[in-house]
Amino acid sequence: MKSLFYAACIALGALFLAANNPAFAEAQTKKVCIDVKKDGKDVIDPKTGKPKQTCKEVKVHQKLEGTKVPEKK
Protein backbone atom coordinates (compact mmCIF):
# COMPACT_ATOMS: atom_id res chain seq x y z
CA MET A 1 0.00 0.00 0.00
CA LYS A 2 2.86 2.36 0.83
CA SER A 3 4.55 1.77 -2.52
CA LEU A 4 1.32 2.65 -4.37
CA PHE A 5 1.02 5.86 -2.33
CA TYR A 6 4.66 6.82 -3.03
CA ALA A 7 4.27 6.08 -6.75
CA ALA A 8 1.14 8.28 -6.90
CA CYS A 9 2.93 11.12 -5.07
CA ILE A 10 5.91 10.96 -7.42
CA ALA A 11 3.67 10.93 -10.50
CA LEU A 12 1.59 13.89 -9.28
CA GLY A 13 4.73 15.82 -8.32
CA ALA A 14 6.30 15.28 -11.73
CA LEU A 15 3.06 16.32 -13.44
CA PHE A 16 2.86 19.48 -11.31
CA LEU A 17 6.47 20.45 -12.08
CA ALA A 18 6.04 19.85 -15.81
CA ALA A 19 2.81 21.88 -15.94
CA ASN A 20 4.42 24.92 -14.29
CA ASN A 21 7.66 24.89 -16.30
CA PRO A 22 7.91 27.97 -18.60
CA ALA A 23 10.05 26.02 -21.09
CA PHE A 24 7.07 23.78 -21.85
CA ALA A 25 4.56 26.62 -22.01
CA GLU A 26 2.40 26.73 -25.11
CA ALA A 27 4.08 28.68 -27.89
CA GLN A 28 2.53 31.89 -29.13
CA THR A 29 2.04 32.35 -32.86
CA LYS A 30 1.90 35.38 -35.11
CA LYS A 31 0.87 35.82 -38.73
CA VAL A 32 3.65 36.78 -41.17
CA CYS A 33 2.83 37.86 -44.74
CA ILE A 34 5.34 38.14 -47.61
CA ASP A 35 4.71 39.66 -51.04
CA VAL A 36 4.75 37.20 -53.96
CA LYS A 37 7.40 38.05 -56.57
CA LYS A 38 7.83 36.77 -60.10
CA ASP A 39 10.93 37.70 -62.11
CA GLY A 40 11.87 40.21 -59.39
CA LYS A 41 8.56 42.13 -59.59
CA ASP A 42 5.55 42.04 -57.30
CA VAL A 43 2.53 40.05 -58.52
CA ILE A 44 -0.58 42.28 -58.50
CA ASP A 45 -3.95 40.76 -57.54
CA PRO A 46 -6.41 41.70 -60.34
CA LYS A 47 -9.42 41.93 -57.99
CA THR A 48 -7.97 44.32 -55.41
CA GLY A 49 -5.09 45.93 -57.32
CA LYS A 50 -2.77 45.32 -54.35
CA PRO A 51 0.32 43.08 -54.27
CA LYS A 52 -0.49 39.39 -53.75
CA GLN A 53 0.78 37.94 -50.44
CA THR A 54 1.44 34.54 -48.92
CA CYS A 55 0.77 34.31 -45.19
CA LYS A 56 1.97 31.75 -42.63
CA GLU A 57 1.56 31.21 -38.88
CA VAL A 58 4.98 31.32 -37.16
CA LYS A 59 5.84 30.36 -33.59
CA VAL A 60 7.32 33.17 -31.48
CA HIS A 61 10.19 31.86 -29.36
CA GLN A 62 10.92 33.57 -26.06
CA LYS A 63 14.42 33.75 -24.64
CA LEU A 64 14.84 32.28 -21.18
CA GLU A 65 16.91 34.29 -18.73
CA GLY A 66 20.01 32.74 -17.29
CA THR A 67 23.13 33.61 -15.33
CA LYS A 68 26.03 35.34 -17.04
CA VAL A 69 29.08 33.19 -17.80
CA PRO A 70 32.17 34.54 -16.01
CA GLU A 71 34.98 35.77 -18.28
CA LYS A 72 38.39 34.08 -18.19
CA LYS A 73 41.42 36.22 -17.46
C-alpha atoms as a PDB file:
ATOM      1  CA  MET A   1       0.000   0.000   0.000  1.00  0.00           C
ATOM      2  CA  LYS A   2       2.860   2.358   0.827  1.00  0.00           C
ATOM      3  CA  SER A   3       4.547   1.773  -2.520  1.00  0.00           C
ATOM      4  CA  LEU A   4       1.319   2.651  -4.368  1.00  0.00           C
ATOM      5  CA  PHE A   5       1.024   5.858  -2.328  1.00  0.00           C
ATOM      6  CA  TYR A   6       4.657   6.815  -3.030  1.00  0.00           C
ATOM      7  CA  ALA A   7       4.272   6.085  -6.746  1.00  0.00           C
ATOM      8  CA  ALA A   8       1.143   8.280  -6.899  1.00  0.00           C
ATOM      9  CA  CYS A   9       2.933  11.120  -5.069  1.00  0.00           C
ATOM     10  CA  ILE A  10       5.913  10.959  -7.424  1.00  0.00           C
ATOM     11  CA  ALA A  11       3.670  10.929 -10.503  1.00  0.00           C
ATOM     12  CA  LEU A  12       1.595  13.886  -9.284  1.00  0.00           C
ATOM     13  CA  GLY A  13       4.734  15.815  -8.318  1.00  0.00           C
ATOM     14  CA  ALA A  14       6.299  15.283 -11.734  1.00  0.00           C
ATOM     15  CA  LEU A  15       3.055  16.322 -13.437  1.00  0.00           C
ATOM     16  CA  PHE A  16       2.857  19.484 -11.309  1.00  0.00           C
ATOM     17  CA  LEU A  17       6.468  20.449 -12.079  1.00  0.00           C
ATOM     18  CA  ALA A  18       6.038  19.845 -15.813  1.00  0.00           C
ATOM     19  CA  ALA A  19       2.810  21.880 -15.942  1.00  0.00           C
ATOM     20  CA  ASN A  20       4.419  24.922 -14.287  1.00  0.00           C
ATOM     21  CA  ASN A  21       7.657  24.890 -16.298  1.00  0.00           C
ATOM     22  CA  PRO A  22       7.907  27.970 -18.603  1.00  0.00           C
ATOM     23  CA  ALA A  23      10.054  26.020 -21.087  1.00  0.00           C
ATOM     24  CA  PHE A  24       7.071  23.776 -21.852  1.00  0.00           C
ATOM     25  CA  ALA A  25       4.556  26.617 -22.015  1.00  0.00           C
ATOM     26  CA  GLU A  26       2.402  26.733 -25.107  1.00  0.00           C
ATOM     27  CA  ALA A  27       4.085  28.675 -27.886  1.00  0.00           C
ATOM     28  CA  GLN A  28       2.529  31.894 -29.132  1.00  0.00           C
ATOM     29  CA  THR A  29       2.038  32.353 -32.857  1.00  0.00           C
ATOM     30  CA  LYS A  30       1.905  35.381 -35.113  1.00  0.00           C
ATOM     31  CA  LYS A  31       0.871  35.822 -38.730  1.00  0.00           C
ATOM     32  CA  VAL A  32       3.650  36.780 -41.173  1.00  0.00           C
ATOM     33  CA  CYS A  33       2.827  37.857 -44.743  1.00  0.00           C
ATOM     34  CA  ILE A  34       5.339  38.140 -47.607  1.00  0.00           C
ATOM     35  CA  ASP A  35       4.708  39.662 -51.044  1.00  0.00           C
ATOM     36  CA  VAL A  36       4.745  37.196 -53.956  1.00  0.00           C
ATOM     37  CA  LYS A  37       7.401  38.052 -56.574  1.00  0.00           C
ATOM     38  CA  LYS A  38       7.832  36.766 -60.097  1.00  0.00           C
ATOM     39  CA  ASP A  39      10.926  37.696 -62.109  1.00  0.00           C
ATOM     40  CA  GLY A  40      11.873  40.214 -59.391  1.00  0.00           C
ATOM     41  CA  LYS A  41       8.561  42.134 -59.593  1.00  0.00           C
ATOM     42  CA  ASP A  42       5.550  42.036 -57.302  1.00  0.00           C
ATOM     43  CA  VAL A  43       2.534  40.055 -58.523  1.00  0.00           C
ATOM     44  CA  ILE A  44      -0.578  42.283 -58.502  1.00  0.00           C
ATOM     45  CA  ASP A  45      -3.951  40.756 -57.545  1.00  0.00           C
ATOM     46  CA  PRO A  46      -6.409  41.702 -60.339  1.00  0.00           C
ATOM     47  CA  LYS A  47      -9.424  41.934 -57.985  1.00  0.00           C
ATOM     48  CA  THR A  48      -7.967  44.318 -55.410  1.00  0.00           C
ATOM     49  CA  GLY A  49      -5.094  45.932 -57.320  1.00  0.00           C
ATOM     50  CA  LYS A  50      -2.767  45.322 -54.354  1.00  0.00           C
ATOM     51  CA  PRO A  51       0.323  43.075 -54.269  1.00  0.00           C
ATOM     52  CA  LYS A  52      -0.491  39.388 -53.747  1.00  0.00           C
ATOM     53  CA  GLN A  53       0.776  37.942 -50.442  1.00  0.00           C
ATOM     54  CA  THR A  54       1.436  34.539 -48.915  1.00  0.00           C
ATOM     55  CA  CYS A  55       0.770  34.315 -45.185  1.00  0.00           C
ATOM     56  CA  LYS A  56       1.968  31.754 -42.630  1.00  0.00           C
ATOM     57  CA  GLU A  57       1.556  31.207 -38.884  1.00  0.00           C
ATOM     58  CA  VAL A  58       4.978  31.324 -37.164  1.00  0.00           C
ATOM     59  CA  LYS A  59       5.842  30.361 -33.587  1.00  0.00           C
ATOM     60  CA  VAL A  60       7.320  33.168 -31.478  1.00  0.00           C
ATOM     61  CA  HIS A  61      10.189  31.856 -29.363  1.00  0.00           C
ATOM     62  CA  GLN A  62      10.924  33.570 -26.062  1.00  0.00           C
ATOM     63  CA  LYS A  63      14.415  33.747 -24.638  1.00  0.00           C
ATOM     64  CA  LEU A  64      14.843  32.284 -21.177  1.00  0.00           C
ATOM     65  CA  GLU A  65      16.908  34.292 -18.731  1.00  0.00           C
ATOM     66  CA  GLY A  66      20.015  32.735 -17.288  1.00  0.00           C
ATOM     67  CA  THR A  67      23.126  33.615 -15.332  1.00  0.00           C
ATOM     68  CA  LYS A  68      26.025  35.345 -17.039  1.00  0.00           C
ATOM     69  CA  VAL A  69      29.077  33.194 -17.795  1.00  0.00           C
ATOM     70  CA  PRO A  70      32.166  34.540 -16.012  1.00  0.00           C
ATOM     71  CA  GLU A  71      34.979  35.765 -18.278  1.00  0.00           C
ATOM     72  CA  LYS A  72      38.386  34.082 -18.191  1.00  0.00           C
ATOM     73  CA  LYS A  73      41.423  36.218 -17.455  1.00  0.00           C
END
